[in-house]
Amino acid sequence: MSKNNSFVKQTITIKSPQEVVFNALTQADELMRWFPTRVESDPRPGGKFKFAWEFANANENGSQEGEYVEVLPNKKLSYTWTAESIPTLVTINLSEANGETTVDLDHSSVQDDADGKKLHEMHANQWGFFLMNLKGYLESGMDLRKEKLNQITI
């Protein structure tokens, strides 16, 4: 992995402590409350994850498997992600001020010839929705996946 080419950068501020946000981003029981339907997560460098999204229309189901690359508790995590057979990297940085946590997400390609525009189109809206859902979950316990995406939630 030489050069990373960002195709999605998003930032959101959540009225919740950094530790709570970090746990929601890494712990299986927390991830299932706002992101995938089913999760396996071993948040340590070299640890694996498996995410599965299930929808009312089974043709929309999907999954993602990858590996945690960097895990700095309550501060940063990055993990591999495959998009259209292209290896990518998701990096999330957390910073806290006045009881609020800023979440900076950077999804980048590790392949110089990757079609950044196509990757951006595929992922920008999804990341935007799920980051807002994370905020809603942590701030008010609200989960909009079933209502907005017809996603099966547990």
N, C-alpha and C. Protein backbone atom coordinates (compact mmCIF):
# COMPACT_ATOMS: atom_id res chain seq x y z
N MET A 1 0.84 -1.17 0.00
CA MET A 1 0.00 0.00 0.00
C MET A 1 0.88 1.23 0.00
N SER A 2 1.00 1.85 -1.13
CA SER A 2 1.87 3.00 -1.21
C SER A 2 1.11 4.29 -0.96
N LYS A 3 0.40 4.74 -1.94
CA LYS A 3 -0.28 6.03 -1.88
C LYS A 3 -1.78 5.82 -1.76
N ASN A 4 -2.42 6.55 -0.85
CA ASN A 4 -3.86 6.45 -0.71
C ASN A 4 -4.53 7.62 -1.44
N ASN A 5 -5.53 7.30 -2.24
CA ASN A 5 -6.28 8.29 -2.99
C ASN A 5 -7.68 8.38 -2.41
N SER A 6 -7.95 9.43 -1.62
CA SER A 6 -9.26 9.58 -0.98
C SER A 6 -10.36 9.74 -2.02
N PHE A 7 -11.45 9.02 -1.81
CA PHE A 7 -12.61 9.22 -2.67
C PHE A 7 -13.84 9.59 -1.86
N VAL A 8 -13.79 9.40 -0.53
CA VAL A 8 -14.85 9.90 0.35
C VAL A 8 -14.19 10.43 1.61
N LYS A 9 -14.50 11.68 1.94
CA LYS A 9 -14.09 12.29 3.21
C LYS A 9 -15.32 12.90 3.81
N GLN A 10 -15.65 12.48 5.03
CA GLN A 10 -16.83 13.02 5.70
C GLN A 10 -16.50 13.25 7.16
N THR A 11 -17.14 14.27 7.73
CA THR A 11 -16.95 14.62 9.13
C THR A 11 -18.32 14.83 9.77
N ILE A 12 -18.44 14.34 10.99
CA ILE A 12 -19.68 14.54 11.74
C ILE A 12 -19.30 14.74 13.21
N THR A 13 -20.09 15.53 13.91
CA THR A 13 -19.88 15.75 15.34
C THR A 13 -21.03 15.12 16.10
N ILE A 14 -20.68 14.35 17.12
CA ILE A 14 -21.67 13.60 17.89
C ILE A 14 -21.58 14.03 19.35
N LYS A 15 -22.72 14.30 19.96
CA LYS A 15 -22.77 14.69 21.37
C LYS A 15 -22.65 13.44 22.22
N SER A 16 -21.44 12.95 22.29
CA SER A 16 -21.16 11.72 23.03
C SER A 16 -19.65 11.66 23.25
N PRO A 17 -19.21 11.08 24.38
CA PRO A 17 -17.77 10.98 24.65
C PRO A 17 -17.05 10.10 23.62
N GLN A 18 -15.79 10.39 23.42
CA GLN A 18 -14.94 9.69 22.46
C GLN A 18 -14.96 8.17 22.68
N GLU A 19 -14.89 7.74 23.92
CA GLU A 19 -14.87 6.30 24.23
C GLU A 19 -16.15 5.62 23.77
N VAL A 20 -17.29 6.28 23.97
CA VAL A 20 -18.58 5.71 23.56
C VAL A 20 -18.65 5.59 22.04
N VAL A 21 -18.18 6.62 21.34
CA VAL A 21 -18.18 6.59 19.87
C VAL A 21 -17.25 5.49 19.38
N PHE A 22 -16.06 5.39 19.96
CA PHE A 22 -15.11 4.35 19.55
C PHE A 22 -15.71 2.96 19.73
N ASN A 23 -16.37 2.73 20.86
CA ASN A 23 -17.00 1.43 21.09
C ASN A 23 -18.09 1.15 20.05
N ALA A 24 -18.85 2.18 19.67
CA ALA A 24 -19.90 2.00 18.67
C ALA A 24 -19.31 1.68 17.29
N LEU A 25 -18.07 2.08 17.07
CA LEU A 25 -17.39 1.82 15.80
C LEU A 25 -16.66 0.48 15.76
N THR A 26 -16.46 -0.16 16.91
CA THR A 26 -15.63 -1.35 16.95
C THR A 26 -16.27 -2.59 17.59
N GLN A 27 -17.20 -2.41 18.48
CA GLN A 27 -17.78 -3.54 19.21
C GLN A 27 -18.99 -4.11 18.47
N ALA A 28 -19.01 -5.42 18.26
CA ALA A 28 -20.05 -6.07 17.46
C ALA A 28 -21.46 -5.71 17.93
N ASP A 29 -21.73 -5.80 19.23
CA ASP A 29 -23.08 -5.53 19.72
C ASP A 29 -23.48 -4.08 19.50
N GLU A 30 -22.55 -3.17 19.47
CA GLU A 30 -22.84 -1.75 19.19
C GLU A 30 -22.98 -1.50 17.69
N LEU A 31 -22.11 -2.06 16.88
CA LEU A 31 -22.18 -1.89 15.42
C LEU A 31 -23.54 -2.32 14.87
N MET A 32 -24.10 -3.40 15.42
CA MET A 32 -25.37 -3.92 14.93
C MET A 32 -26.54 -2.99 15.25
N ARG A 33 -26.33 -2.00 16.08
CA ARG A 33 -27.41 -1.07 16.44
C ARG A 33 -27.54 0.10 15.48
N TRP A 34 -26.53 0.25 14.56
CA TRP A 34 -26.60 1.40 13.65
C TRP A 34 -26.03 1.13 12.25
N PHE A 35 -25.31 0.01 12.03
CA PHE A 35 -24.59 -0.19 10.77
C PHE A 35 -25.01 -1.51 10.12
N PRO A 36 -24.27 -2.61 10.24
CA PRO A 36 -24.70 -3.86 9.60
C PRO A 36 -25.77 -4.57 10.43
N THR A 37 -26.35 -5.60 9.82
CA THR A 37 -27.33 -6.42 10.53
C THR A 37 -26.63 -7.41 11.46
N ARG A 38 -25.55 -8.02 10.95
CA ARG A 38 -24.78 -8.98 11.74
C ARG A 38 -23.30 -8.60 11.67
N VAL A 39 -22.59 -8.84 12.77
CA VAL A 39 -21.19 -8.41 12.87
C VAL A 39 -20.34 -9.41 13.63
N GLU A 40 -19.13 -9.61 13.15
CA GLU A 40 -18.05 -10.21 13.93
C GLU A 40 -16.94 -9.19 13.89
N SER A 41 -16.35 -8.87 15.04
CA SER A 41 -15.33 -7.82 15.08
C SER A 41 -14.27 -8.13 16.12
N ASP A 42 -13.03 -8.10 15.69
CA ASP A 42 -11.87 -8.30 16.56
C ASP A 42 -10.98 -7.06 16.39
N PRO A 43 -11.33 -5.95 17.06
CA PRO A 43 -10.67 -4.66 16.81
C PRO A 43 -9.27 -4.54 17.41
N ARG A 44 -8.33 -5.12 16.70
CA ARG A 44 -6.91 -5.01 17.05
C ARG A 44 -6.14 -5.12 15.74
N PRO A 45 -4.95 -4.56 15.65
CA PRO A 45 -4.20 -4.68 14.41
C PRO A 45 -4.07 -6.15 13.99
N GLY A 46 -4.48 -6.46 12.77
CA GLY A 46 -4.47 -7.83 12.28
C GLY A 46 -5.75 -8.58 12.58
N GLY A 47 -6.61 -8.02 13.45
CA GLY A 47 -7.89 -8.65 13.77
C GLY A 47 -8.84 -8.56 12.59
N LYS A 48 -9.72 -9.50 12.48
CA LYS A 48 -10.65 -9.58 11.35
C LYS A 48 -12.02 -9.03 11.74
N PHE A 49 -12.78 -8.64 10.70
CA PHE A 49 -14.18 -8.29 10.89
C PHE A 49 -14.98 -8.89 9.74
N LYS A 50 -16.25 -9.13 10.04
CA LYS A 50 -17.23 -9.56 9.03
C LYS A 50 -18.50 -8.78 9.29
N PHE A 51 -18.96 -8.06 8.28
CA PHE A 51 -20.20 -7.31 8.36
C PHE A 51 -21.16 -7.93 7.35
N ALA A 52 -22.43 -8.05 7.74
CA ALA A 52 -23.46 -8.54 6.82
C ALA A 52 -24.68 -7.62 6.93
N TRP A 53 -25.14 -7.15 5.77
CA TRP A 53 -26.35 -6.34 5.70
C TRP A 53 -27.45 -7.20 5.11
N GLU A 54 -28.60 -7.24 5.78
CA GLU A 54 -29.73 -8.02 5.32
C GLU A 54 -30.92 -7.09 5.15
N PHE A 55 -31.64 -7.27 4.05
CA PHE A 55 -32.75 -6.39 3.72
C PHE A 55 -34.02 -7.18 3.49
N ALA A 56 -35.15 -6.50 3.53
CA ALA A 56 -36.42 -7.15 3.24
C ALA A 56 -36.38 -7.81 1.88
N ASN A 57 -35.75 -7.16 0.91
CA ASN A 57 -35.52 -7.73 -0.41
C ASN A 57 -34.14 -8.40 -0.37
N ALA A 58 -34.12 -9.71 -0.29
CA ALA A 58 -32.86 -10.45 -0.14
C ALA A 58 -31.86 -10.19 -1.27
N ASN A 59 -32.32 -9.73 -2.42
CA ASN A 59 -31.41 -9.41 -3.52
C ASN A 59 -30.48 -8.24 -3.19
N GLU A 60 -30.83 -7.46 -2.17
CA GLU A 60 -30.02 -6.31 -1.76
C GLU A 60 -29.00 -6.67 -0.69
N ASN A 61 -29.05 -7.89 -0.17
CA ASN A 61 -28.13 -8.30 0.89
C ASN A 61 -26.68 -8.16 0.44
N GLY A 62 -25.81 -7.88 1.39
CA GLY A 62 -24.40 -7.75 1.07
C GLY A 62 -23.54 -8.04 2.29
N SER A 63 -22.26 -8.19 2.04
CA SER A 63 -21.34 -8.46 3.14
C SER A 63 -19.98 -7.84 2.84
N GLN A 64 -19.21 -7.71 3.88
CA GLN A 64 -17.87 -7.15 3.77
C GLN A 64 -17.00 -7.83 4.82
N GLU A 65 -15.85 -8.27 4.40
CA GLU A 65 -14.88 -8.85 5.33
C GLU A 65 -13.58 -8.07 5.17
N GLY A 66 -12.88 -7.91 6.25
CA GLY A 66 -11.62 -7.20 6.17
C GLY A 66 -10.80 -7.38 7.42
N GLU A 67 -9.79 -6.55 7.52
CA GLU A 67 -8.84 -6.66 8.62
C GLU A 67 -8.55 -5.26 9.17
N TYR A 68 -8.51 -5.20 10.49
CA TYR A 68 -8.12 -3.95 11.13
C TYR A 68 -6.62 -3.74 10.90
N VAL A 69 -6.27 -2.56 10.43
CA VAL A 69 -4.88 -2.23 10.15
C VAL A 69 -4.28 -1.47 11.33
N GLU A 70 -5.00 -0.47 11.81
CA GLU A 70 -4.53 0.35 12.92
C GLU A 70 -5.67 0.55 13.90
N VAL A 71 -5.40 0.36 15.18
CA VAL A 71 -6.40 0.57 16.22
C VAL A 71 -5.73 1.29 17.38
N LEU A 72 -6.08 2.56 17.55
CA LEU A 72 -5.61 3.36 18.67
C LEU A 72 -6.85 3.67 19.51
N PRO A 73 -7.07 2.94 20.61
CA PRO A 73 -8.31 3.06 21.37
C PRO A 73 -8.74 4.52 21.59
N ASN A 74 -10.00 4.76 21.26
CA ASN A 74 -10.68 6.04 21.44
C ASN A 74 -10.14 7.16 20.56
N LYS A 75 -9.19 6.87 19.66
CA LYS A 75 -8.59 7.91 18.83
C LYS A 75 -8.67 7.63 17.32
N LYS A 76 -8.33 6.40 16.92
CA LYS A 76 -8.22 6.12 15.48
C LYS A 76 -8.40 4.64 15.19
N LEU A 77 -8.99 4.36 14.04
CA LEU A 77 -9.01 2.99 13.55
C LEU A 77 -9.01 3.03 12.04
N SER A 78 -8.42 2.02 11.46
CA SER A 78 -8.46 1.87 10.01
C SER A 78 -8.59 0.38 9.72
N TYR A 79 -9.28 0.11 8.62
CA TYR A 79 -9.48 -1.28 8.22
C TYR A 79 -9.60 -1.38 6.71
N THR A 80 -9.27 -2.57 6.21
CA THR A 80 -9.37 -2.81 4.78
C THR A 80 -10.84 -2.96 4.40
N TRP A 81 -11.10 -2.64 3.14
CA TRP A 81 -12.46 -2.70 2.61
C TRP A 81 -12.32 -2.98 1.12
N THR A 82 -13.13 -3.86 0.58
CA THR A 82 -13.07 -4.15 -0.85
C THR A 82 -14.28 -3.54 -1.52
N ALA A 83 -14.04 -2.72 -2.54
CA ALA A 83 -15.12 -2.05 -3.28
C ALA A 83 -14.98 -2.41 -4.75
N GLU A 84 -15.95 -3.17 -5.26
CA GLU A 84 -15.89 -3.58 -6.66
C GLU A 84 -14.55 -4.23 -6.99
N SER A 85 -14.11 -5.12 -6.15
CA SER A 85 -12.84 -5.85 -6.29
C SER A 85 -11.60 -4.96 -6.16
N ILE A 86 -11.79 -3.71 -5.74
CA ILE A 86 -10.67 -2.79 -5.56
C ILE A 86 -10.35 -2.70 -4.06
N PRO A 87 -9.10 -2.94 -3.68
CA PRO A 87 -8.75 -2.82 -2.26
C PRO A 87 -8.76 -1.36 -1.83
N THR A 88 -9.47 -1.09 -0.74
CA THR A 88 -9.55 0.26 -0.21
C THR A 88 -9.27 0.23 1.28
N LEU A 89 -9.17 1.42 1.86
CA LEU A 89 -8.88 1.55 3.29
C LEU A 89 -9.83 2.58 3.88
N VAL A 90 -10.48 2.22 4.98
CA VAL A 90 -11.33 3.14 5.73
C VAL A 90 -10.54 3.56 6.96
N THR A 91 -10.38 4.88 7.14
CA THR A 91 -9.67 5.41 8.31
C THR A 91 -10.61 6.36 9.03
N ILE A 92 -10.75 6.17 10.33
CA ILE A 92 -11.61 7.02 11.14
C ILE A 92 -10.78 7.59 12.28
N ASN A 93 -10.77 8.92 12.37
CA ASN A 93 -10.09 9.63 13.45
C ASN A 93 -11.13 10.27 14.34
N LEU A 94 -10.90 10.20 15.65
CA LEU A 94 -11.81 10.79 16.63
C LEU A 94 -11.09 11.85 17.43
N SER A 95 -11.78 12.95 17.70
CA SER A 95 -11.26 13.97 18.60
C SER A 95 -12.43 14.50 19.43
N GLU A 96 -12.16 14.83 20.68
CA GLU A 96 -13.23 15.25 21.58
C GLU A 96 -12.96 16.65 22.11
N ALA A 97 -14.04 17.42 22.19
CA ALA A 97 -14.00 18.75 22.80
C ALA A 97 -15.37 19.04 23.39
N ASN A 98 -15.39 19.47 24.63
CA ASN A 98 -16.64 19.86 25.30
C ASN A 98 -17.71 18.77 25.27
N GLY A 99 -17.31 17.52 25.47
CA GLY A 99 -18.25 16.41 25.51
C GLY A 99 -18.78 15.97 24.17
N GLU A 100 -18.27 16.55 23.08
CA GLU A 100 -18.66 16.15 21.74
C GLU A 100 -17.48 15.51 21.03
N THR A 101 -17.76 14.53 20.22
CA THR A 101 -16.71 13.84 19.48
C THR A 101 -16.86 14.12 17.99
N THR A 102 -15.77 14.56 17.39
CA THR A 102 -15.74 14.75 15.94
C THR A 102 -15.21 13.47 15.32
N VAL A 103 -15.95 12.96 14.35
CA VAL A 103 -15.60 11.74 13.63
C VAL A 103 -15.18 12.16 12.22
N ASP A 104 -13.92 11.92 11.87
CA ASP A 104 -13.42 12.20 10.53
C ASP A 104 -13.21 10.87 9.82
N LEU A 105 -13.97 10.64 8.77
CA LEU A 105 -13.88 9.40 8.00
C LEU A 105 -13.20 9.69 6.67
N ASP A 106 -12.24 8.85 6.33
CA ASP A 106 -11.54 8.94 5.04
C ASP A 106 -11.54 7.54 4.43
N HIS A 107 -12.21 7.41 3.29
CA HIS A 107 -12.24 6.13 2.57
C HIS A 107 -11.40 6.35 1.33
N SER A 108 -10.33 5.59 1.22
CA SER A 108 -9.38 5.82 0.13
C SER A 108 -9.04 4.53 -0.60
N SER A 109 -8.65 4.72 -1.85
CA SER A 109 -8.20 3.61 -2.66
C SER A 109 -6.70 3.45 -2.47
N VAL A 110 -6.25 2.23 -2.48
CA VAL A 110 -4.82 1.98 -2.38
C VAL A 110 -4.27 1.60 -3.75
N GLN A 111 -5.10 1.78 -4.76
CA GLN A 111 -4.75 1.41 -6.12
C GLN A 111 -4.73 2.68 -6.97
N ASP A 112 -3.60 3.01 -7.55
CA ASP A 112 -3.45 4.26 -8.31
C ASP A 112 -4.43 4.39 -9.46
N ASP A 113 -4.77 3.29 -10.12
CA ASP A 113 -5.64 3.38 -11.29
C ASP A 113 -7.12 3.20 -10.97
N ALA A 114 -7.49 3.19 -9.69
CA ALA A 114 -8.88 3.01 -9.31
C ALA A 114 -9.71 4.20 -9.80
N ASP A 115 -10.93 3.92 -10.20
CA ASP A 115 -11.84 4.96 -10.67
C ASP A 115 -12.45 5.66 -9.46
N GLY A 116 -11.81 6.74 -9.03
CA GLY A 116 -12.23 7.47 -7.84
C GLY A 116 -13.64 8.02 -7.92
N LYS A 117 -14.04 8.48 -9.11
CA LYS A 117 -15.40 9.02 -9.28
C LYS A 117 -16.44 7.92 -9.06
N LYS A 118 -16.20 6.76 -9.63
CA LYS A 118 -17.13 5.65 -9.47
C LYS A 118 -17.18 5.21 -8.00
N LEU A 119 -16.03 5.10 -7.36
CA LEU A 119 -15.99 4.71 -5.96
C LEU A 119 -16.70 5.74 -5.09
N HIS A 120 -16.49 7.03 -5.39
CA HIS A 120 -17.16 8.09 -4.65
C HIS A 120 -18.68 7.94 -4.78
N GLU A 121 -19.16 7.78 -5.99
CA GLU A 121 -20.60 7.64 -6.22
C GLU A 121 -21.18 6.45 -5.48
N MET A 122 -20.43 5.36 -5.41
CA MET A 122 -20.91 4.14 -4.75
C MET A 122 -20.96 4.28 -3.24
N HIS A 123 -20.07 5.09 -2.65
CA HIS A 123 -19.91 5.09 -1.21
C HIS A 123 -20.30 6.36 -0.47
N ALA A 124 -20.29 7.50 -1.11
CA ALA A 124 -20.53 8.76 -0.40
C ALA A 124 -21.89 8.79 0.29
N ASN A 125 -22.95 8.45 -0.42
CA ASN A 125 -24.28 8.48 0.20
C ASN A 125 -24.42 7.45 1.31
N GLN A 126 -23.86 6.26 1.08
CA GLN A 126 -23.96 5.23 2.11
C GLN A 126 -23.23 5.66 3.39
N TRP A 127 -22.00 6.16 3.25
CA TRP A 127 -21.28 6.61 4.44
C TRP A 127 -22.03 7.75 5.11
N GLY A 128 -22.56 8.68 4.32
CA GLY A 128 -23.31 9.80 4.88
C GLY A 128 -24.50 9.32 5.70
N PHE A 129 -25.26 8.36 5.14
CA PHE A 129 -26.41 7.83 5.87
C PHE A 129 -25.97 7.15 7.16
N PHE A 130 -24.98 6.27 7.07
CA PHE A 130 -24.61 5.50 8.26
C PHE A 130 -23.96 6.37 9.33
N LEU A 131 -23.21 7.41 8.95
CA LEU A 131 -22.66 8.32 9.97
C LEU A 131 -23.79 9.08 10.66
N MET A 132 -24.80 9.51 9.89
CA MET A 132 -25.95 10.18 10.52
C MET A 132 -26.72 9.20 11.41
N ASN A 133 -26.78 7.95 10.99
CA ASN A 133 -27.46 6.94 11.81
C ASN A 133 -26.69 6.69 13.10
N LEU A 134 -25.36 6.68 13.02
CA LEU A 134 -24.53 6.56 14.22
C LEU A 134 -24.83 7.71 15.18
N LYS A 135 -24.88 8.92 14.65
CA LYS A 135 -25.18 10.10 15.46
C LYS A 135 -26.56 9.96 16.12
N GLY A 136 -27.57 9.58 15.33
CA GLY A 136 -28.92 9.41 15.86
C GLY A 136 -28.98 8.34 16.94
N TYR A 137 -28.30 7.24 16.70
CA TYR A 137 -28.26 6.16 17.68
C TYR A 137 -27.63 6.61 18.99
N LEU A 138 -26.46 7.25 18.90
CA LEU A 138 -25.74 7.64 20.13
C LEU A 138 -26.39 8.82 20.85
N GLU A 139 -27.01 9.72 20.12
CA GLU A 139 -27.59 10.89 20.76
C GLU A 139 -29.02 10.67 21.25
N SER A 140 -29.79 9.82 20.55
CA SER A 140 -31.19 9.68 20.95
C SER A 140 -31.72 8.25 20.88
N GLY A 141 -30.84 7.28 20.57
CA GLY A 141 -31.27 5.89 20.50
C GLY A 141 -32.06 5.56 19.23
N MET A 142 -32.06 6.47 18.25
CA MET A 142 -32.82 6.27 17.03
C MET A 142 -32.00 5.53 15.97
N ASP A 143 -32.64 4.57 15.31
CA ASP A 143 -32.03 3.78 14.24
C ASP A 143 -32.97 3.84 13.04
N LEU A 144 -32.52 4.46 11.96
CA LEU A 144 -33.38 4.65 10.79
C LEU A 144 -33.16 3.63 9.68
N ARG A 145 -32.37 2.60 9.93
CA ARG A 145 -32.08 1.63 8.86
C ARG A 145 -33.33 0.93 8.34
N LYS A 146 -34.20 0.48 9.24
CA LYS A 146 -35.40 -0.24 8.81
C LYS A 146 -36.33 0.69 8.02
N GLU A 147 -36.54 1.90 8.55
CA GLU A 147 -37.45 2.86 7.93
C GLU A 147 -36.93 3.38 6.58
N LYS A 148 -35.65 3.73 6.50
CA LYS A 148 -35.11 4.37 5.30
C LYS A 148 -34.55 3.39 4.27
N LEU A 149 -34.00 2.27 4.73
CA LEU A 149 -33.33 1.32 3.82
C LEU A 149 -34.06 -0.01 3.68
N ASN A 150 -35.06 -0.24 4.52
CA ASN A 150 -35.72 -1.54 4.57
C ASN A 150 -34.74 -2.62 5.01
N GLN A 151 -33.76 -2.19 5.82
CA GLN A 151 -32.75 -3.13 6.33
C GLN A 151 -33.32 -3.89 7.52
N ILE A 152 -32.98 -5.15 7.59
CA ILE A 152 -33.38 -5.96 8.73
C ILE A 152 -32.48 -5.60 9.91
N THR A 153 -33.08 -5.30 11.04
CA THR A 153 -32.32 -4.97 12.23
C THR A 153 -32.64 -5.99 13.31
N ILE A 154 -31.68 -6.20 14.18
CA ILE A 154 -31.87 -7.21 15.23
C ILE A 154 -32.04 -6.53 16.56
